[in-house]
Amino acid sequence: MLKWKRTSILAADGAEELDPILAGMSGKNRVIKYIAIDNHLATQRLRVYRDADQFVDIPCDVLTDYAPFLPMDLPLSEGSICNVGFYNLAGVSSTRVISIGYEEAD
């Protein structure tokens, strides 16, 4: 079954802000399947990390109102943490809502 989580992140101009959104747990096989951001500006970059490894770094305008989800297949093992966020070059501070869709199996 697909589950969803979301977080709201504030970033100043010229800054990257990240927020831990999901962690791997003992006895749970979690896999992130989708990521989305609420605004599709070319001046902001969507970023996803698993622990210290970066998996996504794309301009937000790659995602559109007609194709708002970026498909992924990012497994989280026990102790792994997924951080999501964005790099802001919009000229002003900005708040974005980032959502992930994930599956969880015992």
N, C-alpha and C. Protein backbone atom coordinates (compact mmCIF):
# COMPACT_ATOMS: atom_id res chain seq x y z
N MET A 1 0.84 -1.17 0.00
CA MET A 1 0.00 0.00 0.00
C MET A 1 0.90 1.24 0.00
N LEU A 2 0.55 2.20 -0.81
CA LEU A 2 1.29 3.45 -0.90
C LEU A 2 0.87 4.39 0.22
N LYS A 3 1.85 4.91 0.97
CA LYS A 3 1.60 5.86 2.04
C LYS A 3 2.26 7.18 1.66
N TRP A 4 1.77 8.28 2.25
CA TRP A 4 2.29 9.60 1.91
C TRP A 4 2.71 10.35 3.16
N LYS A 5 3.78 11.12 3.05
CA LYS A 5 4.22 12.05 4.09
C LYS A 5 4.58 13.35 3.41
N ARG A 6 4.45 14.45 4.15
CA ARG A 6 4.86 15.73 3.59
C ARG A 6 5.46 16.60 4.67
N THR A 7 6.25 17.56 4.24
CA THR A 7 6.91 18.48 5.16
C THR A 7 6.97 19.86 4.51
N SER A 8 6.95 20.87 5.34
CA SER A 8 7.05 22.26 4.88
C SER A 8 8.43 22.78 5.26
N ILE A 9 9.14 23.36 4.29
CA ILE A 9 10.53 23.78 4.51
C ILE A 9 10.69 25.23 4.08
N LEU A 10 11.35 26.03 4.92
CA LEU A 10 11.66 27.43 4.63
C LEU A 10 13.15 27.54 4.33
N ALA A 11 13.49 28.16 3.19
CA ALA A 11 14.90 28.38 2.84
C ALA A 11 15.11 29.83 2.46
N ALA A 12 16.18 30.40 2.98
CA ALA A 12 16.56 31.77 2.61
C ALA A 12 17.15 31.75 1.20
N ASP A 13 17.24 32.91 0.59
CA ASP A 13 17.85 33.00 -0.75
C ASP A 13 19.30 32.54 -0.70
N GLY A 14 19.68 31.70 -1.65
CA GLY A 14 21.05 31.19 -1.72
C GLY A 14 21.36 30.09 -0.73
N ALA A 15 20.34 29.51 -0.11
CA ALA A 15 20.56 28.48 0.91
C ALA A 15 19.86 27.17 0.54
N GLU A 16 20.45 26.08 1.00
CA GLU A 16 19.82 24.77 0.91
C GLU A 16 19.30 24.43 2.30
N GLU A 17 18.05 24.00 2.36
CA GLU A 17 17.46 23.55 3.63
C GLU A 17 16.94 22.13 3.43
N LEU A 18 17.20 21.28 4.41
CA LEU A 18 16.78 19.88 4.36
C LEU A 18 15.99 19.55 5.62
N ASP A 19 15.13 18.55 5.50
CA ASP A 19 14.33 18.09 6.62
C ASP A 19 14.26 16.57 6.56
N PRO A 20 14.54 15.87 7.66
CA PRO A 20 14.37 14.41 7.65
C PRO A 20 12.89 14.08 7.52
N ILE A 21 12.55 13.23 6.57
CA ILE A 21 11.14 12.94 6.33
C ILE A 21 10.78 11.49 6.62
N LEU A 22 11.75 10.56 6.49
CA LEU A 22 11.43 9.15 6.70
C LEU A 22 12.71 8.41 7.09
N ALA A 23 12.58 7.45 8.01
CA ALA A 23 13.72 6.65 8.45
C ALA A 23 13.44 5.18 8.24
N GLY A 24 14.50 4.42 7.98
CA GLY A 24 14.37 2.97 7.89
C GLY A 24 14.19 2.41 9.29
N MET A 25 13.37 1.38 9.41
CA MET A 25 13.08 0.79 10.73
C MET A 25 13.32 -0.71 10.69
N SER A 26 13.63 -1.25 11.83
CA SER A 26 13.79 -2.69 11.97
C SER A 26 12.46 -3.38 11.66
N GLY A 27 12.50 -4.40 10.84
CA GLY A 27 11.30 -5.16 10.53
C GLY A 27 10.40 -4.52 9.48
N LYS A 28 10.78 -3.36 8.97
CA LYS A 28 9.97 -2.69 7.95
C LYS A 28 10.84 -2.47 6.71
N ASN A 29 10.36 -2.88 5.57
CA ASN A 29 11.04 -2.63 4.32
C ASN A 29 10.37 -1.41 3.67
N ARG A 30 10.99 -0.25 3.83
CA ARG A 30 10.43 0.99 3.28
C ARG A 30 11.16 1.35 2.00
N VAL A 31 10.37 1.71 0.99
CA VAL A 31 10.92 2.12 -0.30
C VAL A 31 10.19 3.37 -0.76
N ILE A 32 10.94 4.45 -0.99
CA ILE A 32 10.33 5.68 -1.50
C ILE A 32 10.08 5.51 -2.98
N LYS A 33 8.84 5.75 -3.40
CA LYS A 33 8.42 5.55 -4.78
C LYS A 33 8.22 6.85 -5.56
N TYR A 34 7.84 7.93 -4.87
CA TYR A 34 7.57 9.20 -5.54
C TYR A 34 8.00 10.36 -4.65
N ILE A 35 8.35 11.47 -5.31
CA ILE A 35 8.58 12.73 -4.60
C ILE A 35 7.95 13.84 -5.41
N ALA A 36 7.41 14.83 -4.71
CA ALA A 36 6.76 15.97 -5.38
C ALA A 36 7.03 17.24 -4.57
N ILE A 37 6.98 18.39 -5.26
CA ILE A 37 7.13 19.69 -4.62
C ILE A 37 5.99 20.57 -5.08
N ASP A 38 5.54 21.48 -4.23
CA ASP A 38 4.31 22.24 -4.51
C ASP A 38 4.46 23.36 -5.52
N ASN A 39 5.68 23.78 -5.84
CA ASN A 39 5.86 24.87 -6.80
C ASN A 39 6.95 24.47 -7.77
N HIS A 40 6.79 24.83 -9.01
CA HIS A 40 7.70 24.36 -10.06
C HIS A 40 8.50 25.52 -10.64
N LEU A 41 9.38 26.10 -9.82
CA LEU A 41 10.19 27.24 -10.22
C LEU A 41 11.56 26.79 -10.70
N ALA A 42 12.04 27.38 -11.78
CA ALA A 42 13.37 27.06 -12.30
C ALA A 42 14.47 27.58 -11.38
N THR A 43 14.15 28.50 -10.49
CA THR A 43 15.15 29.10 -9.58
C THR A 43 15.31 28.31 -8.29
N GLN A 44 14.69 27.14 -8.21
CA GLN A 44 14.84 26.28 -7.03
C GLN A 44 15.14 24.86 -7.49
N ARG A 45 15.94 24.15 -6.69
CA ARG A 45 16.34 22.79 -7.02
C ARG A 45 15.86 21.84 -5.93
N LEU A 46 15.17 20.79 -6.33
CA LEU A 46 14.70 19.75 -5.43
C LEU A 46 15.86 18.81 -5.12
N ARG A 47 16.03 18.49 -3.83
CA ARG A 47 17.14 17.62 -3.44
C ARG A 47 16.67 16.54 -2.47
N VAL A 48 17.23 15.33 -2.67
CA VAL A 48 16.91 14.18 -1.81
C VAL A 48 18.21 13.48 -1.46
N TYR A 49 18.37 13.18 -0.17
CA TYR A 49 19.55 12.47 0.33
C TYR A 49 19.09 11.25 1.12
N ARG A 50 19.87 10.18 1.00
CA ARG A 50 19.75 9.05 1.92
C ARG A 50 21.06 9.02 2.69
N ASP A 51 20.97 9.31 3.97
CA ASP A 51 22.16 9.51 4.80
C ASP A 51 23.00 10.62 4.15
N ALA A 52 24.25 10.37 3.80
CA ALA A 52 25.10 11.42 3.20
C ALA A 52 25.10 11.38 1.67
N ASP A 53 24.42 10.39 1.07
CA ASP A 53 24.42 10.24 -0.38
C ASP A 53 23.27 11.02 -1.02
N GLN A 54 23.61 11.85 -2.00
CA GLN A 54 22.58 12.62 -2.71
C GLN A 54 22.05 11.79 -3.88
N PHE A 55 20.71 11.69 -3.98
CA PHE A 55 20.08 10.92 -5.03
C PHE A 55 19.32 11.77 -6.03
N VAL A 56 18.88 12.95 -5.63
CA VAL A 56 18.13 13.84 -6.52
C VAL A 56 18.67 15.25 -6.37
N ASP A 57 18.89 15.90 -7.50
CA ASP A 57 19.26 17.32 -7.56
C ASP A 57 18.79 17.83 -8.92
N ILE A 58 17.52 18.24 -8.98
CA ILE A 58 16.95 18.68 -10.26
C ILE A 58 16.28 20.05 -10.10
N PRO A 59 16.24 20.82 -11.19
CA PRO A 59 15.46 22.06 -11.13
C PRO A 59 13.99 21.72 -10.91
N CYS A 60 13.32 22.49 -10.08
CA CYS A 60 11.92 22.19 -9.77
C CYS A 60 11.00 22.31 -10.97
N ASP A 61 11.41 23.06 -12.01
CA ASP A 61 10.54 23.19 -13.18
C ASP A 61 10.54 21.94 -14.06
N VAL A 62 11.37 20.93 -13.73
CA VAL A 62 11.28 19.64 -14.42
C VAL A 62 9.93 18.99 -14.11
N LEU A 63 9.46 19.20 -12.88
CA LEU A 63 8.13 18.72 -12.50
C LEU A 63 7.12 19.79 -12.89
N THR A 64 5.95 19.37 -13.35
CA THR A 64 4.93 20.31 -13.80
C THR A 64 3.60 19.99 -13.15
N ASP A 65 2.60 20.84 -13.40
CA ASP A 65 1.25 20.55 -12.90
C ASP A 65 0.69 19.29 -13.54
N TYR A 66 1.14 18.96 -14.74
CA TYR A 66 0.65 17.78 -15.45
C TYR A 66 1.44 16.52 -15.11
N ALA A 67 2.66 16.68 -14.62
CA ALA A 67 3.51 15.56 -14.20
C ALA A 67 4.21 15.96 -12.90
N PRO A 68 3.45 16.01 -11.78
CA PRO A 68 4.01 16.56 -10.54
C PRO A 68 4.88 15.60 -9.73
N PHE A 69 4.91 14.32 -10.08
CA PHE A 69 5.64 13.34 -9.28
C PHE A 69 6.88 12.84 -10.00
N LEU A 70 7.98 12.78 -9.27
CA LEU A 70 9.21 12.19 -9.78
C LEU A 70 9.26 10.75 -9.29
N PRO A 71 9.19 9.76 -10.21
CA PRO A 71 9.25 8.36 -9.78
C PRO A 71 10.64 8.04 -9.23
N MET A 72 10.66 7.24 -8.18
CA MET A 72 11.90 6.83 -7.54
C MET A 72 11.79 5.38 -7.12
N ASP A 73 12.92 4.80 -6.75
CA ASP A 73 12.96 3.48 -6.13
C ASP A 73 14.11 3.51 -5.14
N LEU A 74 13.88 4.16 -4.00
CA LEU A 74 14.93 4.41 -3.02
C LEU A 74 14.63 3.63 -1.74
N PRO A 75 15.27 2.46 -1.56
CA PRO A 75 15.03 1.68 -0.35
C PRO A 75 15.72 2.30 0.86
N LEU A 76 15.09 2.16 2.03
CA LEU A 76 15.66 2.63 3.29
C LEU A 76 15.88 1.45 4.20
N SER A 77 17.13 1.15 4.48
CA SER A 77 17.44 0.05 5.40
C SER A 77 17.36 0.55 6.84
N GLU A 78 17.44 -0.35 7.77
CA GLU A 78 17.36 0.02 9.18
C GLU A 78 18.45 1.04 9.51
N GLY A 79 18.07 2.14 10.12
CA GLY A 79 19.02 3.18 10.49
C GLY A 79 19.24 4.25 9.44
N SER A 80 18.79 4.01 8.20
CA SER A 80 18.92 5.02 7.14
C SER A 80 17.90 6.13 7.33
N ILE A 81 18.28 7.34 6.95
CA ILE A 81 17.37 8.48 7.04
C ILE A 81 17.30 9.16 5.68
N CYS A 82 16.10 9.46 5.24
CA CYS A 82 15.89 10.20 4.00
C CYS A 82 15.63 11.66 4.36
N ASN A 83 16.46 12.54 3.81
CA ASN A 83 16.29 13.98 3.97
C ASN A 83 15.84 14.57 2.63
N VAL A 84 14.83 15.43 2.68
CA VAL A 84 14.37 16.11 1.48
C VAL A 84 14.48 17.61 1.70
N GLY A 85 14.60 18.34 0.60
CA GLY A 85 14.68 19.79 0.72
C GLY A 85 14.86 20.43 -0.63
N PHE A 86 15.26 21.69 -0.59
CA PHE A 86 15.49 22.39 -1.85
C PHE A 86 16.56 23.46 -1.67
N TYR A 87 17.18 23.80 -2.79
CA TYR A 87 18.17 24.86 -2.85
C TYR A 87 17.46 26.05 -3.48
N ASN A 88 17.49 27.18 -2.81
CA ASN A 88 16.70 28.34 -3.21
C ASN A 88 17.58 29.43 -3.84
N LEU A 89 17.29 29.75 -5.09
CA LEU A 89 17.95 30.87 -5.78
C LEU A 89 16.90 31.83 -6.32
N ALA A 90 15.77 31.93 -5.64
CA ALA A 90 14.64 32.73 -6.12
C ALA A 90 14.79 34.22 -5.85
N GLY A 91 15.79 34.63 -5.06
CA GLY A 91 15.95 36.04 -4.75
C GLY A 91 15.29 36.47 -3.46
N VAL A 92 14.44 35.62 -2.90
CA VAL A 92 13.76 35.89 -1.64
C VAL A 92 13.64 34.57 -0.87
N SER A 93 13.39 34.67 0.43
CA SER A 93 13.10 33.46 1.21
C SER A 93 11.84 32.80 0.68
N SER A 94 11.80 31.50 0.75
CA SER A 94 10.69 30.77 0.16
C SER A 94 10.36 29.54 1.00
N THR A 95 9.07 29.23 1.11
CA THR A 95 8.62 28.02 1.79
C THR A 95 8.03 27.07 0.76
N ARG A 96 8.44 25.83 0.80
CA ARG A 96 7.95 24.80 -0.12
C ARG A 96 7.41 23.63 0.68
N VAL A 97 6.44 22.96 0.11
CA VAL A 97 5.90 21.72 0.68
C VAL A 97 6.38 20.58 -0.21
N ILE A 98 7.07 19.63 0.40
CA ILE A 98 7.60 18.47 -0.33
C ILE A 98 6.90 17.23 0.20
N SER A 99 6.45 16.38 -0.73
CA SER A 99 5.73 15.15 -0.38
C SER A 99 6.48 13.94 -0.92
N ILE A 100 6.41 12.85 -0.17
CA ILE A 100 6.94 11.58 -0.66
C ILE A 100 5.84 10.53 -0.59
N GLY A 101 5.85 9.62 -1.54
CA GLY A 101 5.02 8.43 -1.51
C GLY A 101 5.94 7.24 -1.29
N TYR A 102 5.58 6.39 -0.32
CA TYR A 102 6.43 5.26 -0.02
C TYR A 102 5.60 4.02 0.25
N GLU A 103 6.24 2.86 0.06
CA GLU A 103 5.63 1.58 0.38
C GLU A 103 6.35 0.99 1.57
N GLU A 104 5.61 0.23 2.36
CA GLU A 104 6.16 -0.37 3.57
C GLU A 104 5.68 -1.80 3.65
N ALA A 105 6.62 -2.72 3.77
CA ALA A 105 6.26 -4.12 3.91
C ALA A 105 6.94 -4.69 5.15
N ASP A 106 6.28 -5.62 5.80
CA ASP A 106 6.88 -6.25 7.01
C ASP A 106 7.94 -7.25 6.62
